[in-house]
Each structure stands twice: as C-alpha cells, then as structure tokens.
Amino acid sequence: MHNKLRSEFEAGENSFLIKLRCELSWDWDAFYKCSSLMFDVAIIENKKQSVDMWVAQGFWFMDTWVKDWTSHEKFERPESERYEKAILMLSELAYLLFNGESQYSDDTLEKLAKNEV
C-alpha cells in the first residue's frame, strides 16, 4: 500500500498527479484511487511514533499543490461542487495524518476518500 501511494506522490504512470500535470485533466478514478490510499496510509501511520518524511511531504503536497495547479487558467476544472469537495477532502486527509483524528465523528471521511458516498 505504501509503495502504491509513493508512486502516486511521485507522479508515476497513470497516477492522479501525472494526469493533472501533463494532461491538465482531472481523472476522478485516479483521484479516488489516490485518496483511498491516502486514507489507508494515514490510518497506518497514526499507529507509529513518527511519520515517514516522504508521507508527510506527499500529504502536504497534495493539500497545497493540487489546489494551486488546478487554479491555472488553462486547467479545465471539473464540476464545481464536486471539485470543491475533493479539494476539501485533501485537506481533511492531511489533517487526519498530522493530527491523528478525523474532523468527522463517524466513517464519513473514509467513505468520501473511497468514493462510497
């Protein structure tokens, strides 16, 4: 699971980030693959005493860079409400990793990350 997320964070083949950066397109399937991995890894990392540097950097990058990159004038944003929820979810996943808890009191974040809502 960590290797798959690392590939996502490094913009590996067919990753969400590579499609954003090179194709200037938002691929929802790739996004949910990445967000699902982020959720699962955040849960695993919260059980450790410290978070691996590449994990922390990747979560920070997703939370900041995706929002900045998709505000580019040539980037064709997806449906506004769904896009805004996705951007917010990236912040919530980073919060989960860095604070060890979700801002939700139930399994809502997991369902959102895995596109089960």
C-alpha atoms as a PDB file:
ATOM      1  CA  MET A   1       0.000   0.000   0.000  1.00  0.00           C
ATOM      2  CA  HIS A   2       2.793   2.441   0.864  1.00  0.00           C
ATOM      3  CA  ASN A   3       4.557   1.681  -2.442  1.00  0.00           C
ATOM      4  CA  LYS A   4       1.402   2.448  -4.398  1.00  0.00           C
ATOM      5  CA  LEU A   5       0.941   5.731  -2.575  1.00  0.00           C
ATOM      6  CA  ARG A   6       4.587   6.637  -3.115  1.00  0.00           C
ATOM      7  CA  SER A   7       4.076   6.077  -6.857  1.00  0.00           C
ATOM      8  CA  GLU A   8       1.059   8.396  -6.706  1.00  0.00           C
ATOM      9  CA  PHE A   9       3.027  11.073  -4.851  1.00  0.00           C
ATOM     10  CA  GLU A  10       5.923  10.746  -7.317  1.00  0.00           C
ATOM     11  CA  ALA A  11       3.504  11.174 -10.247  1.00  0.00           C
ATOM     12  CA  GLY A  12       4.088   7.660 -11.511  1.00  0.00           C
ATOM     13  CA  GLU A  13       2.437   6.120 -14.549  1.00  0.00           C
ATOM     14  CA  ASN A  14      -1.367   6.571 -14.583  1.00  0.00           C
ATOM     15  CA  SER A  15      -1.283   8.495 -11.311  1.00  0.00           C
ATOM     16  CA  PHE A  16      -3.669  11.288 -10.467  1.00  0.00           C
ATOM     17  CA  LEU A  17      -0.804  13.799 -10.302  1.00  0.00           C
ATOM     18  CA  ILE A  18       0.674  12.883 -13.680  1.00  0.00           C
ATOM     19  CA  LYS A  19      -2.703  13.379 -15.322  1.00  0.00           C
ATOM     20  CA  LEU A  20      -3.115  16.738 -13.603  1.00  0.00           C
ATOM     21  CA  ARG A  21       0.331  17.952 -14.514  1.00  0.00           C
ATOM     22  CA  CYS A  22       0.827  16.609 -18.040  1.00  0.00           C
ATOM     23  CA  GLU A  23      -2.682  16.209 -19.392  1.00  0.00           C
ATOM     24  CA  LEU A  24      -4.238  19.119 -17.485  1.00  0.00           C
ATOM     25  CA  SER A  25      -7.182  16.873 -16.689  1.00  0.00           C
ATOM     26  CA  TRP A  26      -8.900  15.756 -13.512  1.00  0.00           C
ATOM     27  CA  ASP A  27      -9.331  11.983 -13.618  1.00  0.00           C
ATOM     28  CA  TRP A  28     -11.912  11.060 -10.974  1.00  0.00           C
ATOM     29  CA  ASP A  29     -10.990   7.364 -10.943  1.00  0.00           C
ATOM     30  CA  ALA A  30      -7.326   8.207 -10.418  1.00  0.00           C
ATOM     31  CA  PHE A  31      -8.260  10.774  -7.774  1.00  0.00           C
ATOM     32  CA  TYR A  32     -10.258   8.251  -5.743  1.00  0.00           C
ATOM     33  CA  LYS A  33      -7.532   5.642  -6.103  1.00  0.00           C
ATOM     34  CA  CYS A  34      -5.096   8.151  -4.616  1.00  0.00           C
ATOM     35  CA  SER A  35      -7.429   9.450  -1.889  1.00  0.00           C
ATOM     36  CA  SER A  36      -8.285   5.905  -0.826  1.00  0.00           C
ATOM     37  CA  LEU A  37      -4.586   5.098  -0.491  1.00  0.00           C
ATOM     38  CA  MET A  38      -4.039   8.329   1.411  1.00  0.00           C
ATOM     39  CA  PHE A  39      -6.761   7.428   3.894  1.00  0.00           C
ATOM     40  CA  ASP A  40      -5.439   3.915   4.440  1.00  0.00           C
ATOM     41  CA  VAL A  41      -1.842   5.080   4.860  1.00  0.00           C
ATOM     42  CA  ALA A  42      -2.884   7.869   7.253  1.00  0.00           C
ATOM     43  CA  ILE A  43      -4.553   5.271   9.492  1.00  0.00           C
ATOM     44  CA  ILE A  44      -1.432   3.071   9.410  1.00  0.00           C
ATOM     45  CA  GLU A  45       0.939   5.983  10.010  1.00  0.00           C
ATOM     46  CA  ASN A  46      -1.103   7.181  13.003  1.00  0.00           C
ATOM     47  CA  LYS A  47      -0.227   3.947  14.801  1.00  0.00           C
ATOM     48  CA  LYS A  48       3.501   4.720  14.505  1.00  0.00           C
ATOM     49  CA  GLN A  49       5.573   7.008  16.713  1.00  0.00           C
ATOM     50  CA  SER A  50       6.668   9.070  13.727  1.00  0.00           C
ATOM     51  CA  VAL A  51       5.582   9.598  10.143  1.00  0.00           C
ATOM     52  CA  ASP A  52       7.975   8.894   7.281  1.00  0.00           C
ATOM     53  CA  MET A  53       9.186  12.127   5.688  1.00  0.00           C
ATOM     54  CA  TRP A  54       8.001  11.193   2.170  1.00  0.00           C
ATOM     55  CA  VAL A  55       4.497  10.502   3.532  1.00  0.00           C
ATOM     56  CA  ALA A  56       4.305  13.878   5.290  1.00  0.00           C
ATOM     57  CA  GLN A  57       5.656  15.683   2.239  1.00  0.00           C
ATOM     58  CA  GLY A  58       3.231  13.879  -0.064  1.00  0.00           C
ATOM     59  CA  PHE A  59       0.179  14.732   2.036  1.00  0.00           C
ATOM     60  CA  TRP A  60       1.310  18.358   2.290  1.00  0.00           C
ATOM     61  CA  PHE A  61       1.944  18.477  -1.471  1.00  0.00           C
ATOM     62  CA  MET A  62      -1.488  17.048  -2.282  1.00  0.00           C
ATOM     63  CA  ASP A  63      -3.161  19.504   0.066  1.00  0.00           C
ATOM     64  CA  THR A  64      -1.396  22.551  -1.403  1.00  0.00           C
ATOM     65  CA  TRP A  65      -0.207  21.853  -4.948  1.00  0.00           C
ATOM     66  CA  VAL A  66      -3.410  20.335  -6.362  1.00  0.00           C
ATOM     67  CA  LYS A  67      -5.425  23.393  -5.375  1.00  0.00           C
ATOM     68  CA  ASP A  68      -2.797  25.756  -6.786  1.00  0.00           C
ATOM     69  CA  TRP A  69      -2.262  23.823 -10.026  1.00  0.00           C
ATOM     70  CA  THR A  70      -5.956  23.474 -10.791  1.00  0.00           C
ATOM     71  CA  SER A  71      -6.438  27.221 -10.403  1.00  0.00           C
ATOM     72  CA  HIS A  72      -4.256  27.634 -13.530  1.00  0.00           C
ATOM     73  CA  GLU A  73      -6.172  29.465 -16.270  1.00  0.00           C
ATOM     74  CA  LYS A  74      -5.633  26.677 -18.809  1.00  0.00           C
ATOM     75  CA  PHE A  75      -6.821  23.958 -16.447  1.00  0.00           C
ATOM     76  CA  GLU A  76     -10.368  22.885 -17.187  1.00  0.00           C
ATOM     77  CA  ARG A  77     -11.846  22.302 -13.763  1.00  0.00           C
ATOM     78  CA  PRO A  78     -14.372  19.565 -13.189  1.00  0.00           C
ATOM     79  CA  GLU A  79     -17.882  20.208 -11.883  1.00  0.00           C
ATOM     80  CA  SER A  80     -17.564  22.977  -9.295  1.00  0.00           C
ATOM     81  CA  GLU A  81     -19.304  21.479  -6.243  1.00  0.00           C
ATOM     82  CA  ARG A  82     -17.686  18.065  -6.631  1.00  0.00           C
ATOM     83  CA  TYR A  83     -14.290  19.683  -7.220  1.00  0.00           C
ATOM     84  CA  GLU A  84     -14.610  21.859  -4.100  1.00  0.00           C
ATOM     85  CA  LYS A  85     -15.493  18.794  -2.014  1.00  0.00           C
ATOM     86  CA  ALA A  86     -12.467  16.941  -3.401  1.00  0.00           C
ATOM     87  CA  ILE A  87     -10.124  19.835  -2.560  1.00  0.00           C
ATOM     88  CA  LEU A  88     -11.573  19.996   0.960  1.00  0.00           C
ATOM     89  CA  MET A  89     -11.141  16.233   1.342  1.00  0.00           C
ATOM     90  CA  LEU A  90      -7.417  16.520   0.564  1.00  0.00           C
ATOM     91  CA  SER A  91      -7.124  18.978   3.451  1.00  0.00           C
ATOM     92  CA  GLU A  92      -9.104  16.651   5.701  1.00  0.00           C
ATOM     93  CA  LEU A  93      -6.839  13.728   4.799  1.00  0.00           C
ATOM     94  CA  ALA A  94      -3.790  15.838   5.684  1.00  0.00           C
ATOM     95  CA  TYR A  95      -5.471  16.763   8.971  1.00  0.00           C
ATOM     96  CA  LEU A  96      -6.028  13.073   9.672  1.00  0.00           C
ATOM     97  CA  LEU A  97      -2.369  12.270   9.033  1.00  0.00           C
ATOM     98  CA  PHE A  98      -0.931  15.161  11.030  1.00  0.00           C
ATOM     99  CA  ASN A  99      -3.405  15.191  13.919  1.00  0.00           C
ATOM    100  CA  GLY A 100      -4.319  11.522  14.191  1.00  0.00           C
ATOM    101  CA  GLU A 101      -8.019  12.137  14.017  1.00  0.00           C
ATOM    102  CA  SER A 102     -10.711  12.977  11.547  1.00  0.00           C
ATOM    103  CA  GLN A 103     -12.799  16.077  11.776  1.00  0.00           C
ATOM    104  CA  TYR A 104     -15.756  13.728  11.356  1.00  0.00           C
ATOM    105  CA  SER A 105     -17.057  11.683  14.277  1.00  0.00           C
ATOM    106  CA  ASP A 106     -18.013   8.744  12.076  1.00  0.00           C
ATOM    107  CA  ASP A 107     -16.695   6.992   8.963  1.00  0.00           C
ATOM    108  CA  THR A 108     -17.639   9.838   6.603  1.00  0.00           C
ATOM    109  CA  LEU A 109     -14.066  10.702   5.629  1.00  0.00           C
ATOM    110  CA  GLU A 110     -13.288   7.099   4.777  1.00  0.00           C
ATOM    111  CA  LYS A 111     -16.416   6.863   2.629  1.00  0.00           C
ATOM    112  CA  LEU A 112     -15.566  10.127   0.870  1.00  0.00           C
ATOM    113  CA  ALA A 113     -11.967   9.049   0.240  1.00  0.00           C
ATOM    114  CA  LYS A 114     -13.070   5.717  -1.158  1.00  0.00           C
ATOM    115  CA  ASN A 115     -15.958   7.244  -3.155  1.00  0.00           C
ATOM    116  CA  GLU A 116     -18.534   5.226  -1.245  1.00  0.00           C
ATOM    117  CA  VAL A 117     -20.925   8.105  -0.593  1.00  0.00           C
END
